[in-house]
């Protein structure tokens, strides 16, 4: 939440900056986020960004324990 606030605030300040490059970056981010439905953003994060981050954190190796008595030994 803090990271999202920091990104939003800095890109909002970019949008009103005097520097042309910062204005373009802030405007592009604003138009991209404003024109994408939230469901599409969730899919992008889950399928594309998640595939890159989870292996880096080694979270892909974590599994839930099997309930006792329901699975054959092995």
N, C-alpha and C. Protein backbone atom coordinates (compact mmCIF):
# COMPACT_ATOMS: atom_id res chain seq x y z
N UNK A 1 0.82 -1.19 0.00
CA UNK A 1 0.00 0.00 0.00
C UNK A 1 0.87 1.26 0.00
N UNK A 2 1.94 1.23 0.77
CA UNK A 2 2.83 2.38 0.82
C UNK A 2 3.54 2.55 -0.52
N UNK A 3 3.94 1.41 -1.12
CA UNK A 3 4.61 1.46 -2.42
C UNK A 3 3.67 2.03 -3.48
N UNK A 4 2.41 1.62 -3.47
CA UNK A 4 1.44 2.13 -4.44
C UNK A 4 1.20 3.62 -4.25
N UNK A 5 1.15 4.06 -3.01
CA UNK A 5 0.98 5.49 -2.73
C UNK A 5 2.18 6.28 -3.24
N UNK A 6 3.38 5.74 -3.01
CA UNK A 6 4.58 6.42 -3.48
C UNK A 6 4.61 6.52 -5.00
N UNK A 7 4.28 5.41 -5.70
CA UNK A 7 4.26 5.41 -7.16
C UNK A 7 3.21 6.39 -7.67
N UNK A 8 2.02 6.35 -7.11
CA UNK A 8 0.95 7.24 -7.55
C UNK A 8 1.27 8.70 -7.33
N UNK A 9 1.84 9.00 -6.17
CA UNK A 9 2.17 10.40 -5.87
C UNK A 9 3.29 10.91 -6.77
N UNK A 10 4.32 10.08 -6.98
CA UNK A 10 5.42 10.56 -7.82
C UNK A 10 4.99 10.70 -9.28
N UNK A 11 4.17 9.77 -9.77
CA UNK A 11 3.73 9.91 -11.16
C UNK A 11 2.70 11.04 -11.30
N UNK A 12 1.96 11.32 -10.23
CA UNK A 12 1.08 12.48 -10.26
C UNK A 12 1.87 13.78 -10.31
N UNK A 13 2.98 13.82 -9.59
CA UNK A 13 3.84 15.00 -9.65
C UNK A 13 4.54 15.10 -11.01
N UNK A 14 4.86 13.95 -11.59
CA UNK A 14 5.43 13.96 -12.95
C UNK A 14 4.45 14.61 -13.92
N UNK A 15 3.16 14.35 -13.72
CA UNK A 15 2.13 14.85 -14.65
C UNK A 15 2.08 16.37 -14.68
N UNK A 16 2.38 17.02 -13.57
CA UNK A 16 2.32 18.48 -13.50
C UNK A 16 3.71 19.12 -13.53
N UNK A 17 4.72 18.34 -13.87
CA UNK A 17 6.10 18.84 -13.88
C UNK A 17 6.33 19.80 -15.05
N UNK A 18 7.38 20.58 -14.95
CA UNK A 18 7.77 21.48 -16.02
C UNK A 18 8.58 20.72 -17.08
N UNK A 19 9.24 19.65 -16.66
CA UNK A 19 10.06 18.84 -17.55
C UNK A 19 9.16 18.05 -18.51
N UNK A 20 9.45 18.14 -19.80
CA UNK A 20 8.62 17.49 -20.81
C UNK A 20 8.65 15.97 -20.69
N UNK A 21 9.81 15.39 -20.44
CA UNK A 21 9.92 13.94 -20.33
C UNK A 21 9.12 13.41 -19.14
N UNK A 22 9.19 14.10 -18.01
CA UNK A 22 8.42 13.69 -16.84
C UNK A 22 6.92 13.82 -17.10
N UNK A 23 6.51 14.88 -17.78
CA UNK A 23 5.10 15.05 -18.13
C UNK A 23 4.61 13.93 -19.02
N UNK A 24 5.44 13.53 -20.00
CA UNK A 24 5.05 12.45 -20.90
C UNK A 24 4.94 11.11 -20.17
N UNK A 25 5.90 10.84 -19.28
CA UNK A 25 5.85 9.60 -18.51
C UNK A 25 4.61 9.58 -17.61
N UNK A 26 4.37 10.65 -16.90
CA UNK A 26 3.19 10.74 -16.03
C UNK A 26 1.90 10.65 -16.81
N UNK A 27 1.84 11.32 -17.95
CA UNK A 27 0.62 11.26 -18.78
C UNK A 27 0.38 9.89 -19.37
N UNK A 28 1.45 9.22 -19.81
CA UNK A 28 1.31 7.87 -20.38
C UNK A 28 0.83 6.89 -19.31
N UNK A 29 1.40 6.97 -18.11
CA UNK A 29 0.96 6.09 -17.02
C UNK A 29 -0.50 6.36 -16.67
N UNK A 30 -0.86 7.62 -16.58
CA UNK A 30 -2.23 7.98 -16.23
C UNK A 30 -3.22 7.47 -17.26
N UNK A 31 -2.93 7.67 -18.53
CA UNK A 31 -3.84 7.22 -19.58
C UNK A 31 -3.90 5.70 -19.64
N UNK A 32 -2.78 5.03 -19.41
CA UNK A 32 -2.77 3.57 -19.43
C UNK A 32 -3.62 3.01 -18.30
N UNK A 33 -3.43 3.50 -17.09
CA UNK A 33 -4.18 2.99 -15.94
C UNK A 33 -5.65 3.40 -16.03
N UNK A 34 -5.92 4.58 -16.51
CA UNK A 34 -7.29 5.06 -16.58
C UNK A 34 -8.10 4.32 -17.64
N UNK A 35 -7.46 3.88 -18.71
CA UNK A 35 -8.18 3.26 -19.82
C UNK A 35 -8.20 1.75 -19.78
N UNK A 36 -7.55 1.12 -18.79
CA UNK A 36 -7.61 -0.34 -18.66
C UNK A 36 -8.58 -0.70 -17.55
N UNK A 37 -9.47 -1.65 -17.81
CA UNK A 37 -10.36 -2.10 -16.73
C UNK A 37 -9.55 -2.80 -15.64
N UNK A 38 -9.99 -2.73 -14.40
CA UNK A 38 -9.24 -3.37 -13.31
C UNK A 38 -9.05 -4.87 -13.51
N UNK A 39 -10.01 -5.54 -14.12
CA UNK A 39 -9.89 -6.98 -14.35
C UNK A 39 -8.72 -7.30 -15.28
N UNK A 40 -8.50 -6.48 -16.28
CA UNK A 40 -7.37 -6.68 -17.19
C UNK A 40 -6.05 -6.45 -16.46
N UNK A 41 -6.00 -5.46 -15.60
CA UNK A 41 -4.78 -5.20 -14.82
C UNK A 41 -4.48 -6.38 -13.90
N UNK A 42 -5.52 -6.96 -13.28
CA UNK A 42 -5.33 -8.13 -12.43
C UNK A 42 -4.78 -9.29 -13.24
N UNK A 43 -5.31 -9.52 -14.45
CA UNK A 43 -4.80 -10.59 -15.30
C UNK A 43 -3.34 -10.36 -15.68
N UNK A 44 -3.00 -9.13 -16.01
CA UNK A 44 -1.61 -8.82 -16.39
C UNK A 44 -0.68 -9.11 -15.22
N UNK A 45 -1.05 -8.68 -14.03
CA UNK A 45 -0.21 -8.91 -12.87
C UNK A 45 -0.12 -10.40 -12.56
N UNK A 46 -1.23 -11.11 -12.62
CA UNK A 46 -1.24 -12.52 -12.24
C UNK A 46 -0.47 -13.39 -13.23
N UNK A 47 -0.74 -13.21 -14.52
CA UNK A 47 -0.16 -14.12 -15.51
C UNK A 47 1.23 -13.72 -15.98
N UNK A 48 1.50 -12.44 -16.09
CA UNK A 48 2.78 -12.01 -16.66
C UNK A 48 3.79 -11.60 -15.58
N UNK A 49 3.39 -10.74 -14.70
CA UNK A 49 4.31 -10.28 -13.66
C UNK A 49 4.53 -11.39 -12.63
N UNK A 50 3.47 -12.11 -12.28
CA UNK A 50 3.58 -13.18 -11.30
C UNK A 50 4.48 -14.31 -11.76
N UNK A 51 4.49 -14.60 -13.05
CA UNK A 51 5.37 -15.64 -13.58
C UNK A 51 6.83 -15.25 -13.46
N UNK A 52 7.12 -13.98 -13.40
CA UNK A 52 8.49 -13.53 -13.27
C UNK A 52 8.91 -13.39 -11.80
N UNK A 53 7.98 -12.97 -10.95
CA UNK A 53 8.32 -12.69 -9.56
C UNK A 53 8.35 -13.96 -8.71
N UNK A 54 7.37 -14.84 -8.87
CA UNK A 54 7.30 -16.02 -8.01
C UNK A 54 8.53 -16.92 -8.11
N UNK A 55 9.03 -17.24 -9.31
CA UNK A 55 10.26 -18.05 -9.32
C UNK A 55 11.45 -17.32 -8.69
N UNK A 56 11.50 -16.02 -8.83
CA UNK A 56 12.61 -15.27 -8.24
C UNK A 56 12.56 -15.33 -6.72
N UNK A 57 11.38 -15.39 -6.17
CA UNK A 57 11.24 -15.47 -4.71
C UNK A 57 11.23 -16.91 -4.21
N UNK A 58 11.30 -17.85 -5.13
CA UNK A 58 11.25 -19.29 -4.83
C UNK A 58 9.94 -19.68 -4.19
N UNK A 59 8.90 -18.91 -4.45
CA UNK A 59 7.58 -19.23 -3.90
C UNK A 59 6.90 -20.33 -4.70
N UNK A 60 7.41 -20.62 -5.88
CA UNK A 60 6.81 -21.67 -6.69
C UNK A 60 7.06 -23.05 -6.09
N UNK A 61 8.05 -23.17 -5.22
CA UNK A 61 8.37 -24.46 -4.62
C UNK A 61 7.53 -24.75 -3.39
N UNK A 62 6.85 -23.75 -2.86
CA UNK A 62 6.02 -23.97 -1.69
C UNK A 62 4.76 -24.72 -2.08
N UNK A 63 4.42 -25.74 -1.32
CA UNK A 63 3.19 -26.48 -1.57
C UNK A 63 2.42 -26.60 -0.27
N UNK A 64 1.14 -26.81 -0.39
CA UNK A 64 0.31 -27.03 0.78
C UNK A 64 0.50 -28.46 1.26
N UNK A 65 0.51 -28.67 2.55
CA UNK A 65 0.65 -30.05 3.05
C UNK A 65 -0.60 -30.86 2.73
N UNK A 66 -0.40 -32.14 2.46
CA UNK A 66 -1.53 -33.03 2.16
C UNK A 66 -2.23 -33.39 3.46
N UNK A 67 -3.56 -33.45 3.44
CA UNK A 67 -4.27 -33.83 4.66
C UNK A 67 -3.97 -35.29 5.01
N UNK A 68 -3.79 -35.60 6.26
CA UNK A 68 -3.45 -36.97 6.64
C UNK A 68 -4.61 -37.93 6.35
N UNK A 69 -4.27 -39.10 5.86
CA UNK A 69 -5.25 -40.14 5.64
C UNK A 69 -5.99 -40.07 4.32
N UNK A 70 -5.86 -39.01 3.56
CA UNK A 70 -6.60 -38.88 2.32
C UNK A 70 -5.79 -39.27 1.09
N UNK A 71 -4.47 -39.32 1.21
CA UNK A 71 -3.62 -39.58 0.06
C UNK A 71 -2.77 -40.83 0.34
N UNK A 72 -2.52 -41.59 -0.69
CA UNK A 72 -1.64 -42.77 -0.50
C UNK A 72 -0.22 -42.32 -0.19
N UNK A 73 0.46 -43.12 0.57
CA UNK A 73 1.84 -42.78 0.92
C UNK A 73 2.72 -42.84 -0.31
N UNK A 74 3.67 -41.96 -0.41
CA UNK A 74 4.56 -42.03 -1.56
C UNK A 74 5.04 -40.76 -1.96
